[in-house]
């Protein structure tokens, strides 16, 4: 499935810093990671910033997928009260970048070597006009397919690497009486 994934667009979950406040002593972070596991992951970022002497003012907006958070963000920006940082998905990052609403993070990206460690597919969603405008902190994608290797092996099917192989594997499994997609 690797070659199939390369043709799909990766979605990056990013923490963006707006308005040039990259050196702020305190940052207000608008996000939607409010469930138990999400909040625990967010606390890792919060603790890292606090260890660097940067205060974290939490602005959680409950609601899966961030739709409500984006509504709150648009209202805050329109009223001239943008948060320092916001969690956003890839295409939202690019939309805000097109509007010139995001800080240039090239200095920190160069210092920390982001070009060398962030995959190109994610850089697409983290840069605008050759400038780093967000820092990927998590990757989500809607185009993943998981395979049960034990079922494939039991039916003599190799893990598909292309779309045609995937369709052939489904046909083989179905003919063997296995429900191929559930």
Protein backbone atom coordinates (compact mmCIF):
# COMPACT_ATOMS: atom_id res chain seq x y z
CA UNK A 1 0.00 0.00 0.00
CA UNK A 2 3.06 2.24 0.27
CA UNK A 3 2.82 3.48 -3.34
CA UNK A 4 -0.90 4.16 -2.92
CA UNK A 5 -0.21 6.31 0.14
CA UNK A 6 2.38 8.36 -1.71
CA UNK A 7 -0.27 9.48 -4.18
CA UNK A 8 -2.58 10.69 -1.43
CA UNK A 9 -2.30 14.04 0.30
CA UNK A 10 -1.13 13.85 3.88
CA UNK A 11 -2.96 15.96 6.43
CA UNK A 12 -0.80 17.56 9.08
CA UNK A 13 -1.95 18.65 12.45
CA UNK A 14 0.07 21.76 13.18
CA UNK A 15 0.67 24.24 15.95
CA UNK A 16 0.90 27.66 14.35
CA UNK A 17 2.23 30.87 15.80
CA UNK A 18 0.55 34.00 14.47
CA UNK A 19 1.32 37.68 14.49
CA UNK A 20 5.07 37.44 15.09
CA UNK A 21 4.71 36.40 18.72
CA UNK A 22 7.22 33.57 18.38
CA UNK A 23 9.35 34.96 21.24
CA UNK A 24 6.43 35.67 23.60
CA UNK A 25 6.77 34.91 27.31
CA UNK A 26 3.24 33.53 27.32
CA UNK A 27 1.32 31.99 24.47
CA UNK A 28 -2.42 31.46 24.21
CA UNK A 29 -3.02 28.16 22.43
CA UNK A 30 -6.40 27.51 20.81
CA UNK A 31 -6.90 23.77 20.28
CA UNK A 32 -9.46 20.97 20.27
CA UNK A 33 -7.49 18.22 21.97
CA UNK A 34 -9.80 17.86 24.95
CA UNK A 35 -10.34 14.11 25.42
CA UNK A 36 -8.17 12.16 27.85
CA UNK A 37 -5.49 10.86 25.48
CA UNK A 38 -5.45 14.05 23.43
CA UNK A 39 -5.10 16.22 26.51
CA UNK A 40 -2.23 14.02 27.72
CA UNK A 41 -0.45 14.48 24.36
CA UNK A 42 -1.04 18.23 24.47
CA UNK A 43 0.41 18.35 27.99
CA UNK A 44 3.73 17.07 26.58
CA UNK A 45 3.89 20.17 24.35
CA UNK A 46 2.79 22.41 27.22
CA UNK A 47 5.41 21.00 29.59
CA UNK A 48 8.13 21.40 26.93
CA UNK A 49 7.27 25.09 26.48
CA UNK A 50 7.07 25.67 30.21
CA UNK A 51 10.51 24.08 30.64
CA UNK A 52 11.77 26.76 28.23
CA UNK A 53 10.21 29.52 30.32
CA UNK A 54 7.22 30.06 28.04
CA UNK A 55 3.83 30.19 29.75
CA UNK A 56 0.91 28.33 28.18
CA UNK A 57 -2.56 29.86 28.38
CA UNK A 58 -4.98 27.11 27.40
CA UNK A 59 -7.92 27.87 25.05
CA UNK A 60 -9.62 24.49 24.52
CA UNK A 61 -12.62 24.24 22.19
CA UNK A 62 -14.34 20.87 22.51
CA UNK A 63 -15.58 19.14 19.40
CA UNK A 64 -13.98 16.43 17.30
CA UNK A 65 -12.02 17.37 14.22
CA UNK A 66 -11.64 21.03 15.10
CA UNK A 67 -14.60 22.48 13.20
CA UNK A 68 -15.82 24.39 16.26
CA UNK A 69 -12.27 25.55 16.99
CA UNK A 70 -11.95 26.97 13.48
CA UNK A 71 -15.23 28.85 13.96
CA UNK A 72 -13.90 30.33 17.19
CA UNK A 73 -10.60 31.17 15.48
CA UNK A 74 -12.30 33.01 12.60
CA UNK A 75 -14.36 35.03 15.09
CA UNK A 76 -11.28 35.87 17.17
CA UNK A 77 -9.26 36.94 14.13
CA UNK A 78 -12.16 39.03 12.77
CA UNK A 79 -12.46 40.83 16.12
CA UNK A 80 -8.71 41.56 16.25
CA UNK A 81 -8.12 39.13 19.12
CA UNK A 82 -6.21 36.26 17.49
CA UNK A 83 -4.63 33.70 19.82
CA UNK A 84 -0.85 33.36 19.74
CA UNK A 85 -1.00 29.78 18.48
CA UNK A 86 -3.64 27.46 17.09
CA UNK A 87 -3.94 23.81 16.28
CA UNK A 88 -4.95 23.44 12.63
CA UNK A 89 -5.18 20.85 9.91
CA UNK A 90 -3.09 21.06 6.75
CA UNK A 91 -5.39 22.85 4.32
CA UNK A 92 -6.49 25.28 7.04
CA UNK A 93 -2.81 26.08 7.63
CA UNK A 94 -2.40 26.87 3.94
CA UNK A 95 -5.54 29.04 3.89
CA UNK A 96 -4.25 31.13 6.80
CA UNK A 97 -0.84 31.27 5.13
CA UNK A 98 -2.37 32.65 1.93
CA UNK A 99 -3.95 35.40 4.02
CA UNK A 100 -0.59 36.33 5.54
CA UNK A 101 -1.92 35.66 9.03
CA UNK A 102 0.92 33.41 10.19
CA UNK A 103 4.40 34.14 11.47
CA UNK A 104 7.54 33.26 9.53
CA UNK A 105 9.12 30.37 11.42
CA UNK A 106 12.13 29.98 9.10
CA UNK A 107 14.61 31.01 11.79
CA UNK A 108 13.57 28.33 14.27
CA UNK A 109 13.10 25.79 11.44
CA UNK A 110 16.67 26.39 10.22
CA UNK A 111 18.09 26.26 13.75
CA UNK A 112 16.33 22.94 14.44
CA UNK A 113 16.83 21.41 10.99
CA UNK A 114 13.16 20.95 10.09
CA UNK A 115 13.90 20.61 6.36
CA UNK A 116 15.95 17.49 7.10
CA UNK A 117 13.51 15.79 9.48
CA UNK A 118 10.01 16.77 8.37
CA UNK A 119 8.88 14.65 5.39
CA UNK A 120 8.26 16.59 2.18
CA UNK A 121 4.56 15.63 2.17
CA UNK A 122 4.16 17.38 5.53
CA UNK A 123 6.28 20.35 4.50
CA UNK A 124 3.66 21.00 1.83
CA UNK A 125 1.19 21.80 4.63
CA UNK A 126 3.68 23.59 6.87
CA UNK A 127 5.13 26.11 4.40
CA UNK A 128 3.73 28.97 2.38
CA UNK A 129 5.76 31.00 -0.11
CA UNK A 130 8.93 29.10 0.94
CA UNK A 131 8.40 30.05 4.60
CA UNK A 132 7.71 27.69 7.45
CA UNK A 133 4.37 28.91 8.84
CA UNK A 134 3.54 25.98 11.10
CA UNK A 135 5.25 23.23 13.03
CA UNK A 136 3.81 19.76 12.44
CA UNK A 137 3.17 18.01 15.74
CA UNK A 138 0.93 15.15 14.62
CA UNK A 139 -0.20 13.54 11.38
CA UNK A 140 -3.74 12.55 10.51
CA UNK A 141 -4.95 11.17 7.22
CA UNK A 142 -8.26 9.95 5.93
CA UNK A 143 -6.79 7.58 3.37
CA UNK A 144 -5.23 4.82 5.48
CA UNK A 145 -5.99 1.16 4.85
CA UNK A 146 -5.02 -1.37 7.49
CA UNK A 147 -4.42 -5.01 6.57
CA UNK A 148 -4.66 -8.14 8.70
CA UNK A 149 -1.41 -9.82 7.71
CA UNK A 150 -2.41 -13.11 9.33
CA UNK A 151 -5.53 -13.28 7.13
CA UNK A 152 -3.53 -12.33 4.05
CA UNK A 153 -0.86 -14.94 4.81
CA UNK A 154 -3.47 -17.64 5.50
CA UNK A 155 -4.92 -17.01 2.03
CA UNK A 156 -1.62 -16.72 0.15
CA UNK A 157 -2.00 -12.99 -0.48
CA UNK A 158 0.96 -10.61 -0.28
CA UNK A 159 0.45 -7.19 1.28
CA UNK A 160 -0.68 -5.06 -1.69
CA UNK A 161 1.68 -2.32 -2.86
CA UNK A 162 -0.47 -0.84 -5.62
CA UNK A 163 -4.16 -0.19 -6.18
CA UNK A 164 -4.41 -3.05 -8.71
CA UNK A 165 -2.81 -5.45 -6.20
CA UNK A 166 -5.25 -4.21 -3.55
CA UNK A 167 -8.28 -4.94 -5.76
CA UNK A 168 -6.87 -8.37 -6.67
CA UNK A 169 -6.32 -9.15 -2.97
CA UNK A 170 -9.94 -8.21 -2.21
CA UNK A 171 -11.16 -10.52 -4.98
CA UNK A 172 -8.99 -13.39 -3.73
CA UNK A 173 -10.17 -12.99 -0.14
CA UNK A 174 -13.81 -12.74 -1.18
CA UNK A 175 -13.49 -15.93 -3.27
CA UNK A 176 -12.03 -17.66 -0.18
CA UNK A 177 -15.09 -16.69 1.85
CA UNK A 178 -13.35 -13.90 3.76
CA UNK A 179 -15.09 -10.52 4.09
CA UNK A 180 -12.27 -8.38 2.64
CA UNK A 181 -13.34 -4.97 3.96
CA UNK A 182 -15.12 -4.46 7.24
